[in-house]
Amino acid sequence: MSQPTSQPNRSAIAKIVGASLIGTTIEWYDFFLYTSAAALVFNKLFFPTANPLTGTLLAFLTYAVGFLARPIGGLVFGHFGDRLGRKKLLVVSLVLMGGSTCLMGVLPTYATAGVAAPILLTLLRLVQGFALGGEWGGAVLIVSEHGDDRRRGFWASWPQCGAPGGNLLATAVLAFLSATQSDATFMSWGWRVPFLLSGVLLLIGLWIRLAVAESPVFLAAQRQAEARTEKHVPVIDVFRNSWRQVLITIGARMAENVSYYVITAFILVYVTTGLHLPKGLGLTAVLIGSAVHFVTIPIWGALSDRVGRRPVYLFGAIGMALWGFAFFALLDTKSSAVIVLATTVGLVLHGAMYGPQAAFFAEQFPTRVRYTGLSVGGQLSSIAAGAVAPLIAVALFSAWGSTVPVSLYVAAMCLITVVALLAARETRGESLHDDSVEAETATVSP
């Protein structure tokens, strides 16, 4: 029988949560900054074409390349994270992400360097995706494995807040520059500022992350493996023994990933190109929605500790399937307040999936392959879902001249998620310690 995890020192878990949240916020800031820039800037500076939608599609193709690198990052970081520890790999991921983003701020554009410009941009995007592929699994695990079983959903939801936190920060910086600079100035050099700012954020994140203690659950499992002189390859083990959990993880992320990028990335294209409204309106809607999203994610995580992971997740998936149709109907009103409302409600429903997700996925895998299983499942879904979501949305809208196909696309992904959740077991309150690990190894050092 699994041993219970003892109650962690509250100041210790708060420190771990804070460090993880700040680190993930910085990494997602870097990743989402590219997403917004692809919709607003890169289509003109790196992929100049006569047709604005074609330029946007090309920019989103480089955006999708980052997602292609994420499963590779998940495999590499997961393997070494399960062998060497969570903390070391989290530091490496932060350096790679911050460095590549900062370099984007000094890239020459197509007008200066020709075809070399989009090639360099794509290479740096690959590094971004590789780093983020390893970041997410490690960040949620180091919190999950420090926290107690009873409140894991709440504690583990905080690193998830890094996504809206990073999006909030990236959108806020872009919105400020867009509001205070002319379009010509912003296109000339203003867009570089938020990318260069990543260098400062990198130093702050490193200072905080280096002070984090290693996961006690991992240390206990590592000592046990060393005592048995056990050698294992996490990548092989996870596909041999936990393939079902990997498939569940992939399916459960489909609705969450697709809906998020439709709401936060495609909205910028639709508001400006489809509705012919100022880009600032779309940025403001995402900004306000992300702020509410940030606050509600821990609430959904805490609710999953009370009623279970699956019921909360299912509510978000079913709600999003319906809201996908209402979302565009509300955008079509062209009312600023209504557009903000549509975006905010959509992100709150997304939070019902995203809040319990970290604890739910962590509880699916044993310690010896947890980083690998979580990262591989999570990042493989990013190719099938997040990477292509803006591309598919733009292509559907371009081909049909209507958002109904986009709504149907979101609903289909929600159906996949519902099926995956129904196939999964409820894991609320389960111990993350392997059966053979002694209970006393679960204590958290202050």
Protein backbone atom coordinates (compact mmCIF):
# COMPACT_ATOMS: atom_id res chain seq x y z
CA MET A 1 0.00 0.00 0.00
CA SER A 2 1.28 3.53 -0.81
CA GLN A 3 2.68 5.39 2.12
CA PRO A 4 1.16 8.73 3.09
CA THR A 5 3.10 11.87 2.61
CA SER A 6 3.66 13.83 5.78
CA GLN A 7 2.51 17.42 6.07
CA PRO A 8 5.19 19.68 4.58
CA ASN A 9 6.62 22.72 6.29
CA ARG A 10 4.38 25.57 5.10
CA SER A 11 7.18 28.08 4.59
CA ALA A 12 9.18 25.47 2.66
CA ILE A 13 6.36 24.64 0.24
CA ALA A 14 5.57 28.35 -0.19
CA LYS A 15 9.21 28.97 -1.15
CA ILE A 16 9.14 26.10 -3.65
CA VAL A 17 5.85 27.29 -5.13
CA GLY A 18 7.11 30.89 -5.42
CA ALA A 19 10.33 29.88 -7.13
CA SER A 20 8.53 27.55 -9.51
CA LEU A 21 5.87 30.13 -10.35
CA ILE A 22 8.41 32.88 -11.08
CA GLY A 23 10.49 30.54 -13.22
CA THR A 24 7.55 29.28 -15.27
CA THR A 25 6.21 32.83 -15.66
CA ILE A 26 9.51 33.93 -17.18
CA GLU A 27 9.66 30.93 -19.50
CA TRP A 28 6.07 31.39 -20.66
CA TYR A 29 6.70 35.12 -21.08
CA ASP A 30 9.42 34.23 -23.56
CA PHE A 31 7.28 31.66 -25.36
CA PHE A 32 4.12 33.77 -25.56
CA LEU A 33 6.03 36.88 -26.55
CA TYR A 34 6.88 35.05 -29.76
CA THR A 35 3.24 34.03 -30.21
CA SER A 36 2.02 37.63 -30.02
CA ALA A 37 4.88 38.92 -32.15
CA ALA A 38 4.11 36.28 -34.80
CA ALA A 39 0.59 37.67 -35.14
CA LEU A 40 1.53 41.36 -34.99
CA VAL A 41 5.14 41.87 -36.15
CA PHE A 42 6.98 38.86 -37.57
CA ASN A 43 4.50 38.42 -40.42
CA LYS A 44 5.61 41.81 -41.76
CA LEU A 45 9.28 41.98 -40.75
CA PHE A 46 10.39 38.41 -41.45
CA PHE A 47 7.74 37.16 -43.93
CA PRO A 48 6.69 40.15 -46.06
CA THR A 49 4.05 39.15 -48.63
CA ALA A 50 1.26 40.89 -50.52
CA ASN A 51 -1.42 38.94 -48.63
CA PRO A 52 -1.51 39.68 -44.84
CA LEU A 53 -3.09 36.29 -44.02
CA THR A 54 -0.33 34.48 -45.96
CA GLY A 55 2.35 36.35 -44.03
CA THR A 56 0.59 35.48 -40.78
CA LEU A 57 0.43 31.81 -41.76
CA LEU A 58 4.18 31.78 -42.47
CA ALA A 59 4.88 33.48 -39.14
CA PHE A 60 2.72 30.91 -37.34
CA LEU A 61 4.65 28.14 -39.12
CA THR A 62 7.81 29.23 -37.29
CA TYR A 63 5.66 29.48 -34.16
CA ALA A 64 4.66 25.84 -34.69
CA VAL A 65 8.32 24.81 -35.05
CA GLY A 66 8.77 25.59 -31.37
CA PHE A 67 6.12 23.01 -30.57
CA LEU A 68 7.87 20.39 -32.71
CA ALA A 69 10.96 20.78 -30.53
CA ARG A 70 9.01 20.47 -27.28
CA PRO A 71 8.65 16.64 -27.27
CA ILE A 72 12.40 16.34 -27.92
CA GLY A 73 13.02 18.65 -24.98
CA GLY A 74 10.55 16.61 -22.94
CA LEU A 75 12.42 13.38 -23.74
CA VAL A 76 15.88 14.78 -23.00
CA PHE A 77 14.95 16.76 -19.89
CA GLY A 78 12.64 14.01 -18.67
CA HIS A 79 15.34 11.34 -19.00
CA PHE A 80 17.99 13.33 -17.16
CA GLY A 81 15.45 14.77 -14.73
CA ASP A 82 14.50 11.23 -13.67
CA ARG A 83 18.19 10.31 -13.41
CA LEU A 84 19.85 13.46 -12.00
CA GLY A 85 17.04 15.42 -10.37
CA ARG A 86 14.41 18.05 -11.11
CA LYS A 87 16.33 21.15 -9.97
CA LYS A 88 19.40 20.87 -12.24
CA LEU A 89 17.31 20.50 -15.37
CA LEU A 90 15.05 23.42 -14.44
CA VAL A 91 18.09 25.70 -14.28
CA VAL A 92 19.28 24.54 -17.71
CA SER A 93 15.83 25.07 -19.27
CA LEU A 94 15.64 28.62 -17.93
CA VAL A 95 19.06 29.55 -19.36
CA LEU A 96 18.23 28.13 -22.79
CA MET A 97 14.85 29.86 -22.95
CA GLY A 98 16.03 33.25 -21.72
CA GLY A 99 19.13 33.25 -23.91
CA SER A 100 17.30 32.37 -27.13
CA THR A 101 14.59 34.96 -26.51
CA CYS A 102 17.12 37.70 -25.80
CA LEU A 103 18.93 36.90 -29.05
CA MET A 104 15.67 37.33 -30.97
CA GLY A 105 15.75 40.96 -29.91
CA VAL A 106 18.94 41.59 -31.92
CA LEU A 107 18.06 39.61 -35.06
CA PRO A 108 18.24 41.35 -38.44
CA THR A 109 14.95 41.49 -40.34
CA TYR A 110 14.21 40.26 -43.89
CA ALA A 111 14.87 43.74 -45.26
CA THR A 112 18.41 43.62 -43.85
CA ALA A 113 19.48 39.98 -44.11
CA GLY A 114 17.06 38.47 -46.60
CA VAL A 115 16.22 34.78 -46.20
CA ALA A 116 18.82 34.40 -43.42
CA ALA A 117 16.56 36.38 -41.08
CA PRO A 118 13.62 33.92 -40.95
CA ILE A 119 16.09 31.00 -40.79
CA LEU A 120 17.80 32.44 -37.71
CA LEU A 121 14.41 33.22 -36.20
CA THR A 122 13.31 29.61 -36.75
CA LEU A 123 16.50 28.21 -35.15
CA LEU A 124 16.00 30.31 -32.03
CA ARG A 125 12.37 29.24 -31.92
CA LEU A 126 13.57 25.62 -31.93
CA VAL A 127 15.71 26.34 -28.86
CA GLN A 128 12.72 27.96 -27.17
CA GLY A 129 10.56 24.92 -27.79
CA PHE A 130 13.28 22.51 -26.64
CA ALA A 131 13.68 24.43 -23.37
CA LEU A 132 9.97 24.72 -22.67
CA GLY A 133 9.52 21.01 -23.38
CA GLY A 134 11.67 20.28 -20.35
CA GLU A 135 10.48 23.16 -18.18
CA TRP A 136 6.83 22.34 -17.69
CA GLY A 137 7.21 18.79 -16.38
CA GLY A 138 10.01 19.68 -13.98
CA ALA A 139 8.28 22.78 -12.62
CA VAL A 140 5.01 21.07 -11.78
CA LEU A 141 6.79 18.01 -10.39
CA ILE A 142 9.07 19.83 -8.01
CA VAL A 143 5.99 21.39 -6.43
CA SER A 144 3.85 18.24 -6.58
CA GLU A 145 6.58 16.18 -4.96
CA HIS A 146 7.16 18.70 -2.17
CA GLY A 147 3.49 19.18 -1.34
CA ASP A 148 1.16 17.02 0.72
CA ASP A 149 -1.35 14.60 -0.76
CA ARG A 150 -4.40 16.39 0.62
CA ARG A 151 -3.73 19.77 -1.02
CA ARG A 152 -1.62 18.76 -4.01
CA GLY A 153 -4.17 20.06 -6.51
CA PHE A 154 -3.92 23.54 -5.00
CA TRP A 155 -0.14 23.68 -4.62
CA ALA A 156 0.60 22.14 -8.02
CA SER A 157 -1.77 24.55 -9.75
CA TRP A 158 0.48 27.51 -8.95
CA PRO A 159 3.20 26.67 -11.51
CA GLN A 160 0.31 26.47 -14.00
CA CYS A 161 -0.29 30.15 -13.27
CA GLY A 162 3.01 30.78 -15.02
CA ALA A 163 1.23 30.41 -18.37
CA PRO A 164 -1.29 33.24 -17.87
CA GLY A 165 1.32 35.12 -15.85
CA GLY A 166 3.79 34.98 -18.72
CA ASN A 167 1.08 35.79 -21.25
CA LEU A 168 -0.06 38.66 -19.04
CA LEU A 169 3.46 40.04 -18.84
CA ALA A 170 4.17 39.61 -22.56
CA THR A 171 0.85 41.12 -23.60
CA ALA A 172 1.20 44.00 -21.13
CA VAL A 173 4.65 44.93 -22.46
CA LEU A 174 3.46 44.75 -26.08
CA ALA A 175 0.27 46.68 -25.30
CA PHE A 176 2.26 49.41 -23.50
CA LEU A 177 4.70 49.78 -26.38
CA SER A 178 1.87 49.72 -28.92
CA ALA A 179 0.03 52.46 -27.01
CA THR A 180 3.06 54.70 -26.45
CA GLN A 181 4.72 54.35 -29.84
CA SER A 182 3.60 55.01 -33.37
CA ASP A 183 3.17 51.99 -35.63
CA ALA A 184 6.29 53.01 -37.54
CA THR A 185 8.42 53.25 -34.37
CA PHE A 186 7.08 49.99 -33.00
CA MET A 187 7.81 48.19 -36.26
CA SER A 188 11.25 49.82 -36.51
CA TRP A 189 12.71 49.00 -33.09
CA GLY A 190 10.02 49.01 -30.39
CA TRP A 191 9.19 45.33 -30.87
CA ARG A 192 12.77 44.44 -29.84
CA VAL A 193 12.42 45.83 -26.31
CA PRO A 194 10.33 43.01 -24.78
CA PHE A 195 12.73 40.40 -26.21
CA LEU A 196 15.77 42.14 -24.75
CA LEU A 197 13.95 42.44 -21.43
CA SER A 198 14.12 38.65 -21.22
CA GLY A 199 17.82 38.94 -20.36
CA VAL A 200 16.98 40.81 -17.15
CA LEU A 201 14.22 38.35 -16.27
CA LEU A 202 16.66 35.46 -16.85
CA LEU A 203 19.04 36.76 -14.17
CA ILE A 204 16.19 37.20 -11.69
CA GLY A 205 14.84 33.73 -12.40
CA LEU A 206 18.24 32.08 -12.00
CA TRP A 207 18.84 33.77 -8.65
CA ILE A 208 15.52 32.45 -7.36
CA ARG A 209 15.61 28.98 -8.92
CA LEU A 210 19.13 28.14 -7.68
CA ALA A 211 17.86 28.46 -4.10
CA VAL A 212 15.21 25.75 -4.54
CA ALA A 213 15.68 22.41 -2.76
CA GLU A 214 15.56 19.16 -4.73
CA SER A 215 12.35 17.10 -4.62
CA PRO A 216 12.27 14.84 -1.50
CA VAL A 217 10.25 12.22 -3.39
CA PHE A 218 12.92 12.05 -6.10
CA LEU A 219 15.75 11.87 -3.53
CA ALA A 220 14.00 9.00 -1.75
CA ALA A 221 13.52 7.08 -5.01
CA GLN A 222 17.11 7.80 -6.03
CA ARG A 223 18.49 6.42 -2.75
CA GLN A 224 16.38 3.32 -3.15
CA ALA A 225 17.60 2.75 -6.72
CA GLU A 226 21.23 3.25 -5.67
CA ALA A 227 20.82 0.75 -2.83
CA ARG A 228 19.68 -1.84 -5.36
CA THR A 229 22.40 -0.73 -7.83
CA GLU A 230 19.49 -0.41 -10.22
CA LYS A 231 20.00 0.88 -13.76
CA HIS A 232 17.05 1.97 -15.84
CA VAL A 233 16.33 4.06 -18.92
CA PRO A 234 13.30 6.27 -18.14
CA VAL A 235 12.34 6.77 -21.81
CA ILE A 236 12.15 3.02 -22.42
CA ASP A 237 10.46 2.33 -19.10
CA VAL A 238 7.70 4.90 -19.63
CA PHE A 239 6.70 3.51 -23.04
CA ARG A 240 6.98 -0.09 -21.88
CA ASN A 241 5.02 0.19 -18.63
CA SER A 242 3.12 3.51 -18.69
CA TRP A 243 2.01 3.87 -22.31
CA ARG A 244 -1.66 4.02 -21.31
CA GLN A 245 -1.01 6.97 -18.99
CA VAL A 246 0.93 8.71 -21.77
CA LEU A 247 -2.05 8.35 -24.13
CA ILE A 248 -4.42 9.67 -21.45
CA THR A 249 -2.14 12.66 -20.89
CA ILE A 250 -2.06 13.40 -24.62
CA GLY A 251 -5.83 13.15 -24.98
CA ALA A 252 -6.55 15.20 -21.88
CA ARG A 253 -4.44 18.08 -23.17
CA MET A 254 -6.09 18.35 -26.60
CA ALA A 255 -9.00 20.59 -25.56
CA GLU A 256 -6.88 22.58 -23.12
CA ASN A 257 -4.12 23.31 -25.65
CA VAL A 258 -6.28 24.06 -28.68
CA SER A 259 -8.77 26.28 -26.85
CA TYR A 260 -6.02 28.29 -25.19
CA TYR A 261 -4.22 29.19 -28.40
CA VAL A 262 -7.45 29.93 -30.24
CA ILE A 263 -8.49 32.32 -27.47
CA THR A 264 -5.13 34.02 -26.96
CA ALA A 265 -3.41 33.83 -30.37
CA PHE A 266 -6.04 33.48 -33.09
CA ILE A 267 -8.09 36.27 -31.48
CA LEU A 268 -5.33 38.73 -32.42
CA VAL A 269 -5.61 37.66 -36.06
CA TYR A 270 -9.41 37.63 -36.13
CA VAL A 271 -9.87 40.99 -34.39
CA THR A 272 -7.47 42.79 -36.73
CA THR A 273 -7.95 40.93 -40.04
CA GLY A 274 -11.49 39.59 -39.73
CA LEU A 275 -13.21 42.39 -37.79
CA HIS A 276 -10.84 45.22 -38.85
CA LEU A 277 -10.51 46.48 -35.28
CA PRO A 278 -7.36 47.96 -33.67
CA LYS A 279 -4.80 45.37 -32.50
CA GLY A 280 -4.83 47.06 -29.09
CA LEU A 281 -8.38 45.80 -28.50
CA GLY A 282 -7.35 42.17 -28.89
CA LEU A 283 -4.30 42.71 -26.68
CA THR A 284 -6.41 44.36 -23.98
CA ALA A 285 -8.93 41.49 -24.02
CA VAL A 286 -6.15 38.92 -23.61
CA LEU A 287 -4.53 41.09 -20.92
CA ILE A 288 -7.66 41.31 -18.77
CA GLY A 289 -8.61 37.70 -19.42
CA SER A 290 -5.14 36.51 -18.43
CA ALA A 291 -5.32 38.43 -15.15
CA VAL A 292 -8.60 36.68 -14.25
CA HIS A 293 -7.20 33.39 -15.52
CA PHE A 294 -4.20 33.75 -13.20
CA VAL A 295 -6.44 34.19 -10.16
CA THR A 296 -8.89 31.38 -10.94
CA ILE A 297 -6.41 28.58 -11.74
CA PRO A 298 -5.54 27.91 -8.05
CA ILE A 299 -9.26 28.00 -7.21
CA TRP A 300 -9.91 25.21 -9.71
CA GLY A 301 -6.89 23.33 -8.34
CA ALA A 302 -8.22 23.62 -4.79
CA LEU A 303 -11.67 22.48 -5.94
CA SER A 304 -10.09 19.37 -7.45
CA ASP A 305 -8.75 18.54 -3.97
CA ARG A 306 -12.33 18.48 -2.72
CA VAL A 307 -14.38 16.91 -5.51
CA GLY A 308 -11.72 15.15 -7.59
CA ARG A 309 -9.54 15.91 -10.61
CA ARG A 310 -11.80 14.41 -13.26
CA PRO A 311 -15.08 16.25 -12.43
CA VAL A 312 -13.37 19.66 -12.54
CA TYR A 313 -11.47 18.82 -15.72
CA LEU A 314 -14.63 17.46 -17.39
CA PHE A 315 -16.53 20.64 -16.52
CA GLY A 316 -13.87 22.70 -18.27
CA ALA A 317 -13.80 20.51 -21.39
CA ILE A 318 -17.59 20.36 -21.84
CA GLY A 319 -17.96 24.05 -21.04
CA MET A 320 -15.29 24.95 -23.59
CA ALA A 321 -16.99 22.88 -26.32
CA LEU A 322 -20.09 25.04 -25.90
CA TRP A 323 -18.28 28.33 -25.36
CA GLY A 324 -16.33 27.92 -28.59
CA PHE A 325 -19.50 28.91 -30.48
CA ALA A 326 -20.53 31.72 -28.13
CA PHE A 327 -16.99 33.13 -28.15
CA PHE A 328 -16.97 34.18 -31.80
CA ALA A 329 -20.58 35.33 -31.73
CA LEU A 330 -19.63 37.74 -28.95
CA LEU A 331 -16.49 38.90 -30.80
CA ASP A 332 -18.64 39.69 -33.84
CA THR A 333 -20.52 42.34 -31.84
CA LYS A 334 -17.32 44.45 -32.10
CA SER A 335 -18.07 45.78 -28.63
CA SER A 336 -14.92 46.25 -26.55
CA ALA A 337 -16.62 45.19 -23.30
CA VAL A 338 -18.21 42.13 -24.89
CA ILE A 339 -14.93 41.05 -26.50
CA VAL A 340 -13.21 41.30 -23.11
CA LEU A 341 -16.04 39.28 -21.53
CA ALA A 342 -15.85 36.57 -24.21
CA THR A 343 -12.10 36.19 -23.75
CA THR A 344 -12.28 36.18 -19.94
CA VAL A 345 -15.01 33.54 -19.72
CA GLY A 346 -13.14 31.38 -22.20
CA LEU A 347 -9.96 31.56 -20.12
CA VAL A 348 -11.85 30.82 -16.89
CA LEU A 349 -13.23 27.64 -18.50
CA HIS A 350 -9.74 26.81 -19.70
CA GLY A 351 -8.56 27.19 -16.08
CA ALA A 352 -10.95 24.42 -15.02
CA MET A 353 -8.83 22.09 -17.17
CA TYR A 354 -5.47 23.69 -16.46
CA GLY A 355 -5.84 24.03 -12.68
CA PRO A 356 -6.06 20.33 -11.73
CA GLN A 357 -3.91 19.22 -14.67
CA ALA A 358 -0.49 19.28 -12.97
CA ALA A 359 -1.50 17.16 -9.98
CA PHE A 360 -3.69 14.87 -12.13
CA PHE A 361 -0.89 14.09 -14.59
CA ALA A 362 1.80 13.74 -11.89
CA GLU A 363 -0.37 11.22 -10.07
CA GLN A 364 -0.57 9.02 -13.17
CA PHE A 365 3.12 8.00 -13.17
CA PRO A 366 5.56 6.32 -10.73
CA THR A 367 8.50 8.39 -9.45
CA ARG A 368 11.17 6.65 -11.54
CA VAL A 369 9.58 7.81 -14.82
CA ARG A 370 7.37 10.68 -13.64
CA TYR A 371 9.37 13.52 -15.23
CA THR A 372 9.68 11.59 -18.50
CA GLY A 373 6.05 10.44 -18.63
CA LEU A 374 4.66 13.85 -17.74
CA SER A 375 6.91 15.66 -20.22
CA VAL A 376 6.53 13.23 -23.12
CA GLY A 377 2.74 12.98 -22.82
CA GLY A 378 2.35 16.71 -22.31
CA GLN A 379 4.66 17.73 -25.12
CA LEU A 380 3.52 15.18 -27.73
CA SER A 381 0.07 16.67 -27.33
CA SER A 382 1.55 20.11 -27.97
CA ILE A 383 2.35 19.05 -31.55
CA ALA A 384 -1.12 17.67 -32.26
CA ALA A 385 -2.87 20.50 -30.45
CA GLY A 386 -1.09 23.75 -29.58
CA ALA A 387 1.36 23.81 -32.49
CA VAL A 388 -1.28 23.64 -35.18
CA ALA A 389 -4.20 25.36 -33.44
CA PRO A 390 -3.52 28.91 -34.75
CA LEU A 391 -2.55 27.50 -38.17
CA ILE A 392 -5.73 25.45 -38.46
CA ALA A 393 -7.87 28.31 -37.14
CA VAL A 394 -6.39 30.79 -39.63
CA ALA A 395 -6.66 28.27 -42.50
CA LEU A 396 -10.30 27.42 -41.68
CA PHE A 397 -11.25 31.06 -41.41
CA SER A 398 -9.40 31.91 -44.63
CA ALA A 399 -11.02 29.05 -46.56
CA TRP A 400 -14.60 29.40 -45.30
CA GLY A 401 -14.76 33.09 -44.38
CA SER A 402 -16.54 32.02 -41.21
CA THR A 403 -15.61 31.14 -37.62
CA VAL A 404 -18.10 28.25 -37.39
CA PRO A 405 -15.50 25.71 -38.64
CA VAL A 406 -13.10 27.02 -35.98
CA SER A 407 -15.74 26.46 -33.28
CA LEU A 408 -16.38 22.93 -34.59
CA TYR A 409 -12.63 22.28 -34.47
CA VAL A 410 -12.50 23.31 -30.79
CA ALA A 411 -15.54 21.16 -29.99
CA ALA A 412 -13.96 18.10 -31.65
CA MET A 413 -10.82 18.50 -29.51
CA CYS A 414 -12.99 18.79 -26.41
CA LEU A 415 -14.65 15.48 -27.31
CA ILE A 416 -11.23 13.79 -27.46
CA THR A 417 -10.42 15.17 -24.02
CA VAL A 418 -13.70 13.94 -22.54
CA VAL A 419 -13.00 10.42 -23.84
CA ALA A 420 -9.47 10.48 -22.36
CA LEU A 421 -10.77 11.66 -18.98
CA LEU A 422 -13.41 8.94 -18.86
CA ALA A 423 -10.66 6.38 -19.52
CA ALA A 424 -8.49 7.75 -16.70
CA ARG A 425 -8.72 6.83 -13.04
CA GLU A 426 -9.46 9.38 -10.32
CA THR A 427 -6.22 10.15 -8.45
CA ARG A 428 -7.19 12.75 -5.84
CA GLY A 429 -5.31 12.20 -2.56
CA GLU A 430 -2.98 9.49 -3.84
CA SER A 431 0.63 9.39 -2.58
CA LEU A 432 3.40 10.17 -5.05
CA HIS A 433 5.79 7.88 -3.17
CA ASP A 434 6.35 4.46 -4.66
CA ASP A 435 5.01 1.58 -2.60
CA SER A 436 8.40 0.48 -1.39
CA VAL A 437 9.60 3.90 -0.24
CA GLU A 438 9.46 4.38 3.49
CA ALA A 439 7.10 7.02 4.79
CA GLU A 440 9.77 8.89 6.70
CA THR A 441 11.58 9.79 3.48
CA ALA A 442 8.68 12.00 2.48
CA THR A 443 9.38 14.77 4.99
CA VAL A 444 10.30 18.15 3.56
CA SER A 445 13.37 19.95 4.82
CA PRO A 446 12.62 23.49 5.90
